[in-house]
Amino acid sequence: MKRLLTAFLILVINVSLLAACSGTPASQDASSSPEVPSPTDLTTGGSPANGAADDFENIATIDIVIEALQNPDEWVVIDVRTAEEYDGKSWLPNAFGSGRLKGSVNVDRELVFDSDGELLPHDELASLYEFIGDRKAIVYCHGGLRSAFIRDILVDLGFDTWHYSGSWVDWSWAASIASDYPSDVVLSLTEEWTDNEGEI
């Protein structure tokens, strides 16, 4: 019953995040981007669309992510966005800027599929993520959908995996001048950062 309830909640969260994590990345002119819900709850680690996600085990808050980035011998942070998003060249709607978490490893979510769109065999998936070793892993994307999918794969592979459900939307809010969050530490742990000054 617990497994069925968990699967149902994951489905609900994934459906609600679909809009945030699909589509073509927006250009840096975000004036046409849709308005995002109030970011007041973003620093708890959940995106506005998935507050219920904090009920799951191994949900990483922004403070846990900061700790992980500062302790790379114990943690690895995996960015599952596209290379363009990771390099700060584009971002999807609802972000407060472009960039990446400092020291994160980019493994695009699409790399887990073969040329026919089928999930890679277990041994190939294990090889793709062997760099994790015995460290704990945190996965993030733009709004939590792509990374939730990868988290499930990594858990199945036996890795101690945490999900930063707020993902880049949460982090970019904390880094932005639009935020009341003490962003000095967030900015120091952000690479390729371009602040869109709250114009989402």
N, C-alpha and C. Protein backbone atom coordinates (compact mmCIF):
# COMPACT_ATOMS: atom_id res chain seq x y z
N MET A 1 0.82 -1.19 0.00
CA MET A 1 0.00 0.00 0.00
C MET A 1 0.87 1.26 0.00
N LYS A 2 1.93 1.25 0.84
CA LYS A 2 2.83 2.39 0.90
C LYS A 2 3.49 2.63 -0.45
N ARG A 3 3.89 1.57 -1.13
CA ARG A 3 4.52 1.68 -2.44
C ARG A 3 3.54 2.26 -3.47
N LEU A 4 2.27 1.83 -3.41
CA LEU A 4 1.26 2.33 -4.32
C LEU A 4 1.00 3.82 -4.09
N LEU A 5 0.91 4.22 -2.82
CA LEU A 5 0.71 5.63 -2.48
C LEU A 5 1.89 6.47 -2.95
N THR A 6 3.09 5.97 -2.75
CA THR A 6 4.28 6.69 -3.21
C THR A 6 4.27 6.86 -4.72
N ALA A 7 3.93 5.80 -5.45
CA ALA A 7 3.88 5.86 -6.91
C ALA A 7 2.83 6.87 -7.37
N PHE A 8 1.68 6.88 -6.69
CA PHE A 8 0.62 7.83 -7.05
C PHE A 8 1.09 9.27 -6.83
N LEU A 9 1.72 9.53 -5.70
CA LEU A 9 2.18 10.89 -5.41
C LEU A 9 3.25 11.33 -6.38
N ILE A 10 4.14 10.42 -6.77
CA ILE A 10 5.17 10.75 -7.77
C ILE A 10 4.51 11.11 -9.08
N LEU A 11 3.48 10.37 -9.47
CA LEU A 11 2.76 10.65 -10.70
C LEU A 11 2.13 12.04 -10.65
N VAL A 12 1.49 12.37 -9.54
CA VAL A 12 0.85 13.68 -9.39
C VAL A 12 1.89 14.80 -9.50
N ILE A 13 3.02 14.62 -8.83
CA ILE A 13 4.08 15.63 -8.86
C ILE A 13 4.64 15.77 -10.27
N ASN A 14 4.89 14.64 -10.92
CA ASN A 14 5.46 14.69 -12.26
C ASN A 14 4.53 15.37 -13.24
N VAL A 15 3.22 15.13 -13.14
CA VAL A 15 2.27 15.77 -14.04
C VAL A 15 2.26 17.27 -13.80
N SER A 16 2.30 17.69 -12.53
CA SER A 16 2.26 19.12 -12.24
C SER A 16 3.54 19.83 -12.63
N LEU A 17 4.65 19.11 -12.72
CA LEU A 17 5.91 19.74 -13.12
C LEU A 17 6.19 19.64 -14.61
N LEU A 18 5.35 18.92 -15.35
CA LEU A 18 5.58 18.69 -16.77
C LEU A 18 5.79 19.99 -17.53
N ALA A 19 4.95 20.99 -17.25
CA ALA A 19 5.06 22.26 -17.94
C ALA A 19 6.39 22.95 -17.66
N ALA A 20 6.90 22.79 -16.44
CA ALA A 20 8.13 23.48 -16.06
C ALA A 20 9.36 22.83 -16.66
N CYS A 21 9.30 21.54 -16.96
CA CYS A 21 10.50 20.84 -17.40
C CYS A 21 10.46 20.38 -18.84
N SER A 22 9.47 20.76 -19.59
CA SER A 22 9.40 20.33 -20.98
C SER A 22 9.49 21.54 -21.87
N GLY A 23 9.71 21.29 -23.13
CA GLY A 23 9.76 22.37 -24.09
C GLY A 23 11.17 22.85 -24.34
N THR A 24 11.28 23.85 -25.21
CA THR A 24 12.56 24.40 -25.59
C THR A 24 12.96 25.48 -24.61
N PRO A 25 14.22 25.49 -24.19
CA PRO A 25 14.66 26.53 -23.26
C PRO A 25 14.39 27.92 -23.81
N ALA A 26 14.03 28.83 -22.91
CA ALA A 26 13.74 30.21 -23.31
C ALA A 26 15.04 30.96 -23.52
N SER A 27 14.97 32.01 -24.32
CA SER A 27 16.15 32.86 -24.48
C SER A 27 16.28 33.73 -23.25
N GLN A 28 17.34 34.51 -23.19
CA GLN A 28 17.54 35.34 -22.02
C GLN A 28 16.54 36.48 -21.95
N ASP A 29 15.81 36.76 -23.04
CA ASP A 29 14.71 37.70 -22.97
C ASP A 29 13.50 36.92 -22.50
N ALA A 30 13.24 36.99 -21.21
CA ALA A 30 12.19 36.18 -20.61
C ALA A 30 10.89 36.94 -20.48
N SER A 31 10.73 38.04 -21.22
CA SER A 31 9.53 38.85 -21.06
C SER A 31 8.28 38.10 -21.45
N SER A 32 8.40 37.07 -22.31
CA SER A 32 7.22 36.31 -22.71
C SER A 32 6.98 35.09 -21.84
N SER A 33 7.83 34.88 -20.83
CA SER A 33 7.67 33.72 -19.96
C SER A 33 6.43 33.88 -19.09
N PRO A 34 5.74 32.75 -18.81
CA PRO A 34 4.57 32.84 -17.96
C PRO A 34 4.94 33.23 -16.54
N GLU A 35 4.00 33.83 -15.85
CA GLU A 35 4.22 34.25 -14.48
C GLU A 35 4.33 33.02 -13.58
N VAL A 36 5.24 33.06 -12.63
CA VAL A 36 5.42 31.92 -11.74
C VAL A 36 4.69 32.19 -10.44
N PRO A 37 4.29 31.14 -9.73
CA PRO A 37 3.68 31.34 -8.42
C PRO A 37 4.67 32.02 -7.48
N SER A 38 4.16 32.59 -6.41
CA SER A 38 5.00 33.27 -5.42
C SER A 38 6.13 32.38 -4.96
N PRO A 39 7.36 32.88 -4.92
CA PRO A 39 8.51 32.05 -4.56
C PRO A 39 8.75 31.96 -3.07
N THR A 40 7.81 32.37 -2.24
CA THR A 40 8.08 32.44 -0.81
C THR A 40 8.43 31.10 -0.19
N ASP A 41 7.98 29.99 -0.78
CA ASP A 41 8.27 28.68 -0.21
C ASP A 41 9.44 27.99 -0.89
N LEU A 42 10.08 28.65 -1.84
CA LEU A 42 11.11 27.98 -2.62
C LEU A 42 12.33 27.58 -1.80
N THR A 43 12.69 28.33 -0.78
CA THR A 43 13.91 28.02 -0.05
C THR A 43 13.75 26.81 0.86
N THR A 44 12.57 26.22 0.90
CA THR A 44 12.39 24.99 1.68
C THR A 44 12.83 23.78 0.89
N GLY A 45 13.09 23.95 -0.40
CA GLY A 45 13.54 22.83 -1.22
C GLY A 45 12.48 22.31 -2.14
N GLY A 46 11.24 22.77 -2.03
CA GLY A 46 10.18 22.32 -2.92
C GLY A 46 9.82 23.42 -3.89
N SER A 47 9.53 23.05 -5.13
CA SER A 47 9.11 24.06 -6.08
C SER A 47 7.66 24.40 -5.81
N PRO A 48 7.16 25.53 -6.33
CA PRO A 48 5.80 25.93 -6.03
C PRO A 48 4.78 24.87 -6.42
N ALA A 49 5.08 24.11 -7.46
CA ALA A 49 4.11 23.15 -7.96
C ALA A 49 4.12 21.83 -7.21
N ASN A 50 5.09 21.62 -6.34
CA ASN A 50 5.18 20.29 -5.73
C ASN A 50 5.46 20.32 -4.24
N GLY A 51 4.77 21.16 -3.51
CA GLY A 51 4.99 21.24 -2.08
C GLY A 51 4.86 19.90 -1.39
N ALA A 52 4.00 19.00 -1.90
CA ALA A 52 3.79 17.69 -1.28
C ALA A 52 5.03 16.81 -1.38
N ALA A 53 5.97 17.18 -2.26
CA ALA A 53 7.16 16.35 -2.45
C ALA A 53 7.99 16.23 -1.19
N ASP A 54 7.89 17.20 -0.29
CA ASP A 54 8.68 17.15 0.93
C ASP A 54 8.27 16.01 1.85
N ASP A 55 7.16 15.33 1.54
CA ASP A 55 6.73 14.19 2.34
C ASP A 55 7.57 12.94 2.02
N PHE A 56 8.28 12.94 0.90
CA PHE A 56 9.07 11.79 0.51
C PHE A 56 10.41 11.77 1.25
N GLU A 57 11.00 10.59 1.31
CA GLU A 57 12.33 10.48 1.90
C GLU A 57 13.37 11.05 0.95
N ASN A 58 14.47 11.50 1.52
CA ASN A 58 15.62 11.99 0.75
C ASN A 58 15.30 13.15 -0.18
N ILE A 59 14.48 14.09 0.31
CA ILE A 59 14.27 15.34 -0.40
C ILE A 59 15.31 16.33 0.11
N ALA A 60 16.09 16.88 -0.81
CA ALA A 60 17.16 17.80 -0.43
C ALA A 60 16.65 19.23 -0.41
N THR A 61 16.78 19.89 0.73
CA THR A 61 16.50 21.32 0.81
C THR A 61 17.70 22.07 0.26
N ILE A 62 17.55 23.36 0.09
CA ILE A 62 18.66 24.16 -0.41
C ILE A 62 19.85 24.09 0.54
N ASP A 63 19.61 24.00 1.85
CA ASP A 63 20.71 23.90 2.81
C ASP A 63 21.47 22.58 2.69
N ILE A 64 20.76 21.50 2.39
CA ILE A 64 21.42 20.21 2.17
C ILE A 64 22.26 20.27 0.91
N VAL A 65 21.73 20.93 -0.13
CA VAL A 65 22.49 21.07 -1.38
C VAL A 65 23.76 21.88 -1.14
N ILE A 66 23.65 22.95 -0.37
CA ILE A 66 24.84 23.76 -0.05
C ILE A 66 25.87 22.90 0.67
N GLU A 67 25.42 22.13 1.65
CA GLU A 67 26.34 21.24 2.37
C GLU A 67 27.00 20.25 1.42
N ALA A 68 26.21 19.69 0.50
CA ALA A 68 26.75 18.72 -0.45
C ALA A 68 27.81 19.34 -1.35
N LEU A 69 27.54 20.54 -1.86
CA LEU A 69 28.50 21.21 -2.74
C LEU A 69 29.80 21.54 -2.01
N GLN A 70 29.71 21.75 -0.71
CA GLN A 70 30.89 22.07 0.08
C GLN A 70 31.64 20.82 0.55
N ASN A 71 31.07 19.65 0.30
CA ASN A 71 31.69 18.38 0.72
C ASN A 71 31.70 17.37 -0.42
N PRO A 72 32.49 17.64 -1.47
CA PRO A 72 32.49 16.78 -2.65
C PRO A 72 33.06 15.37 -2.43
N ASP A 73 33.75 15.16 -1.31
CA ASP A 73 34.23 13.80 -1.04
C ASP A 73 33.09 12.89 -0.56
N GLU A 74 32.04 13.50 -0.01
CA GLU A 74 30.92 12.74 0.51
C GLU A 74 29.71 12.77 -0.41
N TRP A 75 29.61 13.82 -1.22
CA TRP A 75 28.43 14.04 -2.07
C TRP A 75 28.85 14.30 -3.51
N VAL A 76 27.94 14.00 -4.43
CA VAL A 76 28.06 14.46 -5.81
C VAL A 76 26.70 15.02 -6.22
N VAL A 77 26.71 16.20 -6.83
CA VAL A 77 25.49 16.84 -7.29
C VAL A 77 25.42 16.68 -8.80
N ILE A 78 24.32 16.12 -9.28
CA ILE A 78 24.17 15.80 -10.70
C ILE A 78 23.08 16.67 -11.31
N ASP A 79 23.46 17.40 -12.36
CA ASP A 79 22.56 18.26 -13.11
C ASP A 79 22.09 17.48 -14.33
N VAL A 80 20.79 17.21 -14.44
CA VAL A 80 20.30 16.38 -15.54
C VAL A 80 19.69 17.21 -16.67
N ARG A 81 19.94 18.53 -16.64
CA ARG A 81 19.43 19.39 -17.70
C ARG A 81 20.26 19.24 -18.97
N THR A 82 19.86 19.95 -20.01
CA THR A 82 20.62 19.93 -21.26
C THR A 82 21.96 20.65 -21.08
N ALA A 83 22.87 20.42 -22.00
CA ALA A 83 24.17 21.10 -21.96
C ALA A 83 24.00 22.61 -22.05
N GLU A 84 23.03 23.08 -22.84
CA GLU A 84 22.80 24.52 -22.98
C GLU A 84 22.34 25.14 -21.66
N GLU A 85 21.46 24.44 -20.94
CA GLU A 85 21.03 24.94 -19.64
C GLU A 85 22.20 24.93 -18.66
N TYR A 86 22.94 23.84 -18.66
CA TYR A 86 24.08 23.68 -17.75
C TYR A 86 25.14 24.75 -17.99
N ASP A 87 25.38 25.09 -19.25
CA ASP A 87 26.39 26.08 -19.60
C ASP A 87 25.91 27.52 -19.41
N GLY A 88 24.65 27.69 -19.00
CA GLY A 88 24.13 29.02 -18.76
C GLY A 88 23.74 29.77 -20.02
N LYS A 89 23.61 29.05 -21.13
CA LYS A 89 23.28 29.70 -22.40
C LYS A 89 21.78 29.86 -22.59
N SER A 90 21.00 29.15 -21.81
CA SER A 90 19.54 29.27 -21.90
C SER A 90 18.91 28.78 -20.62
N TRP A 91 17.66 29.14 -20.41
CA TRP A 91 16.92 28.62 -19.28
C TRP A 91 15.45 28.55 -19.65
N LEU A 92 14.76 27.66 -18.99
CA LEU A 92 13.34 27.50 -19.20
C LEU A 92 12.57 28.57 -18.43
N PRO A 93 11.28 28.76 -18.74
CA PRO A 93 10.49 29.74 -18.00
C PRO A 93 10.50 29.47 -16.50
N ASN A 94 10.26 30.50 -15.74
CA ASN A 94 10.13 30.49 -14.28
C ASN A 94 11.46 30.54 -13.54
N ALA A 95 12.57 30.56 -14.23
CA ALA A 95 13.86 30.71 -13.55
C ALA A 95 14.16 32.19 -13.39
N PHE A 96 15.00 32.50 -12.42
CA PHE A 96 15.37 33.89 -12.13
C PHE A 96 16.74 34.22 -12.72
N GLY A 97 17.24 33.35 -13.55
CA GLY A 97 18.52 33.55 -14.20
C GLY A 97 19.01 32.23 -14.78
N SER A 98 20.20 32.26 -15.35
CA SER A 98 20.78 31.06 -15.92
C SER A 98 22.08 30.72 -15.20
N GLY A 99 22.49 29.47 -15.29
CA GLY A 99 23.73 29.03 -14.66
C GLY A 99 23.63 27.61 -14.17
N ARG A 100 24.53 27.26 -13.25
CA ARG A 100 24.57 25.89 -12.71
C ARG A 100 25.16 25.92 -11.31
N LEU A 101 24.97 24.83 -10.60
CA LEU A 101 25.55 24.68 -9.28
C LEU A 101 27.03 24.34 -9.43
N LYS A 102 27.87 25.05 -8.71
CA LYS A 102 29.32 24.90 -8.82
C LYS A 102 29.75 23.48 -8.44
N GLY A 103 30.47 22.84 -9.33
CA GLY A 103 30.96 21.48 -9.07
C GLY A 103 29.98 20.40 -9.44
N SER A 104 28.80 20.78 -9.92
CA SER A 104 27.83 19.76 -10.33
C SER A 104 28.31 19.07 -11.60
N VAL A 105 27.87 17.84 -11.79
CA VAL A 105 28.23 17.04 -12.96
C VAL A 105 27.02 16.99 -13.88
N ASN A 106 27.21 17.37 -15.14
CA ASN A 106 26.11 17.37 -16.09
C ASN A 106 25.99 16.02 -16.78
N VAL A 107 24.88 15.33 -16.52
CA VAL A 107 24.54 14.09 -17.23
C VAL A 107 23.10 14.27 -17.71
N ASP A 108 22.96 14.75 -18.93
CA ASP A 108 21.65 15.02 -19.51
C ASP A 108 20.73 13.81 -19.34
N ARG A 109 19.51 14.07 -18.93
CA ARG A 109 18.54 13.00 -18.73
C ARG A 109 18.40 12.12 -19.96
N GLU A 110 18.54 12.70 -21.14
CA GLU A 110 18.34 11.94 -22.37
C GLU A 110 19.39 10.84 -22.57
N LEU A 111 20.50 10.93 -21.86
CA LEU A 111 21.56 9.93 -22.02
C LEU A 111 21.17 8.56 -21.49
N VAL A 112 20.07 8.47 -20.74
CA VAL A 112 19.66 7.17 -20.20
C VAL A 112 18.83 6.39 -21.22
N PHE A 113 18.59 6.97 -22.40
CA PHE A 113 17.80 6.32 -23.44
C PHE A 113 18.68 5.95 -24.64
N ASP A 114 18.33 4.84 -25.29
CA ASP A 114 19.05 4.48 -26.51
C ASP A 114 18.44 5.23 -27.70
N SER A 115 18.94 4.94 -28.91
CA SER A 115 18.49 5.67 -30.10
C SER A 115 17.03 5.41 -30.43
N ASP A 116 16.45 4.34 -29.88
CA ASP A 116 15.04 4.05 -30.09
C ASP A 116 14.15 4.63 -28.99
N GLY A 117 14.75 5.35 -28.07
CA GLY A 117 13.99 5.93 -26.98
C GLY A 117 13.71 4.97 -25.83
N GLU A 118 14.37 3.81 -25.84
CA GLU A 118 14.20 2.83 -24.77
C GLU A 118 15.25 3.06 -23.69
N LEU A 119 14.87 2.78 -22.45
CA LEU A 119 15.81 2.92 -21.35
C LEU A 119 16.99 1.96 -21.54
N LEU A 120 18.19 2.46 -21.28
CA LEU A 120 19.39 1.62 -21.43
C LEU A 120 19.32 0.42 -20.49
N PRO A 121 20.00 -0.66 -20.84
CA PRO A 121 20.07 -1.82 -19.94
C PRO A 121 20.75 -1.44 -18.62
N HIS A 122 20.48 -2.22 -17.59
CA HIS A 122 20.97 -1.95 -16.24
C HIS A 122 22.49 -1.74 -16.20
N ASP A 123 23.26 -2.59 -16.89
CA ASP A 123 24.71 -2.48 -16.83
C ASP A 123 25.21 -1.20 -17.49
N GLU A 124 24.54 -0.74 -18.55
CA GLU A 124 24.94 0.51 -19.20
C GLU A 124 24.58 1.72 -18.33
N LEU A 125 23.44 1.65 -17.66
CA LEU A 125 23.08 2.71 -16.73
C LEU A 125 24.08 2.79 -15.58
N ALA A 126 24.46 1.63 -15.06
CA ALA A 126 25.43 1.59 -13.97
C ALA A 126 26.76 2.18 -14.41
N SER A 127 27.16 1.91 -15.65
CA SER A 127 28.41 2.45 -16.18
C SER A 127 28.32 3.97 -16.35
N LEU A 128 27.17 4.46 -16.78
CA LEU A 128 26.97 5.90 -16.98
C LEU A 128 27.15 6.67 -15.67
N TYR A 129 26.75 6.05 -14.55
CA TYR A 129 26.79 6.73 -13.26
C TYR A 129 27.86 6.20 -12.31
N GLU A 130 28.82 5.45 -12.84
CA GLU A 130 29.84 4.86 -11.97
C GLU A 130 30.69 5.92 -11.25
N PHE A 131 30.72 7.14 -11.78
CA PHE A 131 31.50 8.22 -11.15
C PHE A 131 30.98 8.56 -9.75
N ILE A 132 29.75 8.17 -9.44
CA ILE A 132 29.20 8.46 -8.11
C ILE A 132 29.98 7.71 -7.04
N GLY A 133 30.38 6.49 -7.34
CA GLY A 133 31.12 5.68 -6.37
C GLY A 133 30.30 5.43 -5.13
N ASP A 134 30.90 5.64 -3.96
CA ASP A 134 30.18 5.40 -2.71
C ASP A 134 29.67 6.70 -2.09
N ARG A 135 29.69 7.78 -2.88
CA ARG A 135 29.18 9.06 -2.38
C ARG A 135 27.65 9.09 -2.44
N LYS A 136 27.05 9.99 -1.67
CA LYS A 136 25.63 10.26 -1.79
C LYS A 136 25.46 11.20 -2.98
N ALA A 137 24.35 11.03 -3.70
CA ALA A 137 24.10 11.84 -4.89
C ALA A 137 22.86 12.70 -4.68
N ILE A 138 22.91 13.92 -5.20
CA ILE A 138 21.75 14.79 -5.28
C ILE A 138 21.52 15.08 -6.75
N VAL A 139 20.28 14.92 -7.20
CA VAL A 139 19.95 15.22 -8.59
C VAL A 139 19.04 16.43 -8.65
N TYR A 140 19.25 17.25 -9.68
CA TYR A 140 18.37 18.40 -9.92
C TYR A 140 18.26 18.65 -11.41
N CYS A 141 17.20 19.38 -11.78
CA CYS A 141 17.03 19.80 -13.17
C CYS A 141 16.54 21.24 -13.15
N HIS A 142 15.48 21.53 -13.87
CA HIS A 142 14.94 22.89 -13.86
C HIS A 142 13.87 23.04 -12.78
N GLY A 143 12.90 22.15 -12.79
CA GLY A 143 11.79 22.26 -11.85
C GLY A 143 11.47 20.98 -11.10
N GLY A 144 12.24 19.91 -11.32
CA GLY A 144 12.09 18.70 -10.54
C GLY A 144 11.57 17.48 -11.26
N LEU A 145 11.07 17.60 -12.48
CA LEU A 145 10.50 16.46 -13.19
C LEU A 145 11.57 15.52 -13.73
N ARG A 146 12.49 16.07 -14.52
CA ARG A 146 13.55 15.22 -15.09
C ARG A 146 14.40 14.58 -13.99
N SER A 147 14.69 15.35 -12.95
CA SER A 147 15.53 14.81 -11.88
C SER A 147 14.81 13.77 -11.04
N ALA A 148 13.48 13.88 -10.90
CA ALA A 148 12.72 12.85 -10.18
C ALA A 148 12.83 11.52 -10.91
N PHE A 149 12.78 11.57 -12.23
CA PHE A 149 12.92 10.37 -13.05
C PHE A 149 14.30 9.74 -12.85
N ILE A 150 15.33 10.57 -12.89
CA ILE A 150 16.70 10.05 -12.73
C ILE A 150 16.92 9.55 -11.31
N ARG A 151 16.34 10.22 -10.32
CA ARG A 151 16.47 9.74 -8.94
C ARG A 151 15.97 8.31 -8.82
N ASP A 152 14.83 8.01 -9.43
CA ASP A 152 14.29 6.65 -9.36
C ASP A 152 15.25 5.64 -9.98
N ILE A 153 15.87 6.02 -11.09
CA ILE A 153 16.84 5.13 -11.74
C ILE A 153 18.04 4.90 -10.83
N LEU A 154 18.57 5.96 -10.24
CA LEU A 154 19.74 5.83 -9.37
C LEU A 154 19.44 5.02 -8.12
N VAL A 155 18.25 5.18 -7.57
CA VAL A 155 17.85 4.36 -6.42
C VAL A 155 17.80 2.89 -6.83
N ASP A 156 17.24 2.61 -8.00
CA ASP A 156 17.19 1.23 -8.50
C ASP A 156 18.59 0.66 -8.72
N LEU A 157 19.54 1.54 -9.04
CA LEU A 157 20.92 1.10 -9.23
C LEU A 157 21.65 0.91 -7.89
N GLY A 158 21.02 1.30 -6.80
CA GLY A 158 21.61 1.09 -5.49
C GLY A 158 22.33 2.28 -4.90
N PHE A 159 22.23 3.46 -5.55
CA PHE A 159 22.89 4.64 -5.04
C PHE A 159 22.03 5.34 -3.99
N ASP A 160 22.68 5.91 -2.98
CA ASP A 160 22.00 6.71 -1.96
C ASP A 160 21.73 8.07 -2.60
N THR A 161 20.51 8.25 -3.10
CA THR A 161 20.20 9.40 -3.94
C THR A 161 19.15 10.29 -3.32
N TRP A 162 19.43 11.59 -3.36
CA TRP A 162 18.53 12.62 -2.86
C TRP A 162 18.01 13.43 -4.03
N HIS A 163 16.80 13.95 -3.88
CA HIS A 163 16.19 14.74 -4.94
C HIS A 163 16.03 16.19 -4.49
N TYR A 164 16.66 17.11 -5.23
CA TYR A 164 16.47 18.53 -4.97
C TYR A 164 15.24 18.94 -5.78
N SER A 165 14.08 18.79 -5.17
CA SER A 165 12.83 18.96 -5.90
C SER A 165 12.61 20.40 -6.36
N GLY A 166 13.16 21.37 -5.65
CA GLY A 166 13.05 22.76 -6.09
C GLY A 166 13.89 23.04 -7.31
N SER A 167 14.98 22.30 -7.45
CA SER A 167 15.88 22.35 -8.60
C SER A 167 16.31 23.78 -8.95
N TRP A 168 16.55 24.03 -10.24
CA TRP A 168 17.12 25.30 -10.65
C TRP A 168 16.19 26.48 -10.35
N VAL A 169 14.87 26.28 -10.40
CA VAL A 169 13.96 27.38 -10.08
C VAL A 169 14.22 27.87 -8.66
N ASP A 170 14.33 26.96 -7.73
CA ASP A 170 14.61 27.29 -6.33
C ASP A 170 15.97 27.97 -6.18
N TRP A 171 16.99 27.34 -6.76
CA TRP A 171 18.36 27.86 -6.62
C TRP A 171 18.48 29.24 -7.25
N SER A 172 17.91 29.44 -8.45
CA SER A 172 18.03 30.73 -9.14
C SER A 172 17.30 31.82 -8.37
N TRP A 173 16.20 31.47 -7.69
CA TRP A 173 15.51 32.44 -6.85
C TRP A 173 16.42 32.88 -5.71
N ALA A 174 17.07 31.91 -5.07
CA ALA A 174 17.94 32.24 -3.94
C ALA A 174 19.15 33.06 -4.37
N ALA A 175 19.60 32.89 -5.61
CA ALA A 175 20.76 33.64 -6.12
C ALA A 175 20.37 35.02 -6.64
N SER A 176 19.11 35.21 -6.97
CA SER A 176 18.67 36.43 -7.63
C SER A 176 18.58 37.62 -6.69
N ILE A 177 18.74 38.80 -7.25
CA ILE A 177 18.56 40.02 -6.48
C ILE A 177 17.09 40.19 -6.08
N ALA A 178 16.20 39.41 -6.71
CA ALA A 178 14.78 39.48 -6.37
C ALA A 178 14.48 38.79 -5.04
N SER A 179 15.44 38.05 -4.52
CA SER A 179 15.23 37.23 -3.33
C SER A 179 15.60 37.95 -2.04
N ASP A 180 14.92 37.56 -0.97
CA ASP A 180 15.29 38.03 0.37
C ASP A 180 16.24 37.04 1.04
N TYR A 181 16.48 35.90 0.39
CA TYR A 181 17.35 34.87 0.93
C TYR A 181 18.77 35.40 0.99
N PRO A 182 19.51 35.09 2.05
CA PRO A 182 20.93 35.53 2.08
C PRO A 182 21.72 34.80 1.00
N SER A 183 21.82 35.41 -0.17
CA SER A 183 22.30 34.70 -1.35
C SER A 183 23.81 34.67 -1.53
N ASP A 184 24.58 35.25 -0.62
CA ASP A 184 26.03 35.26 -0.80
C ASP A 184 26.59 33.85 -0.97
N VAL A 185 26.19 32.93 -0.10
CA VAL A 185 26.70 31.56 -0.20
C VAL A 185 26.18 30.87 -1.45
N VAL A 186 24.93 31.15 -1.82
CA VAL A 186 24.38 30.57 -3.04
C VAL A 186 25.15 31.08 -4.26
N LEU A 187 25.38 32.37 -4.31
CA LEU A 187 26.13 32.94 -5.43
C LEU A 187 27.55 32.38 -5.50
N SER A 188 28.17 32.16 -4.35
CA SER A 188 29.53 31.62 -4.34
C SER A 188 29.57 30.18 -4.84
N LEU A 189 28.42 29.53 -4.83
CA LEU A 189 28.32 28.14 -5.29
C LEU A 189 27.58 28.04 -6.62
N THR A 190 27.59 29.13 -7.38
CA THR A 190 26.91 29.18 -8.68
C THR A 190 27.92 29.57 -9.75
N GLU A 191 27.89 28.85 -10.86
CA GLU A 191 28.77 29.16 -11.99
C GLU A 191 27.93 29.60 -13.19
N GLU A 192 28.56 30.37 -14.08
CA GLU A 192 27.92 30.85 -15.30
C GLU A 192 26.61 31.58 -15.00
N TRP A 193 26.58 32.31 -13.89
CA TRP A 193 25.35 32.96 -13.44
C TRP A 193 25.06 34.24 -14.20
N THR A 194 23.83 34.35 -14.69
CA THR A 194 23.30 35.60 -15.26
C THR A 194 21.97 35.85 -14.57
N ASP A 195 21.90 36.92 -13.80
CA ASP A 195 20.68 37.27 -13.09
C ASP A 195 19.74 37.99 -14.03
N ASN A 196 18.50 37.53 -14.14
CA ASN A 196 17.55 38.25 -14.98
C ASN A 196 16.78 39.29 -14.17
N GLU A 197 17.27 39.55 -12.97
CA GLU A 197 16.76 40.60 -12.09
C GLU A 197 15.27 40.43 -11.80
N GLY A 198 14.86 39.18 -11.67
CA GLY A 198 13.49 38.89 -11.32
C GLY A 198 12.51 38.99 -12.45
N GLU A 199 12.97 39.31 -13.65
CA GLU A 199 12.09 39.38 -14.81
C GLU A 199 11.88 38.00 -15.39
N ILE A 200 10.88 37.31 -14.84
CA ILE A 200 10.64 35.96 -15.32
C ILE A 200 9.46 35.92 -16.27
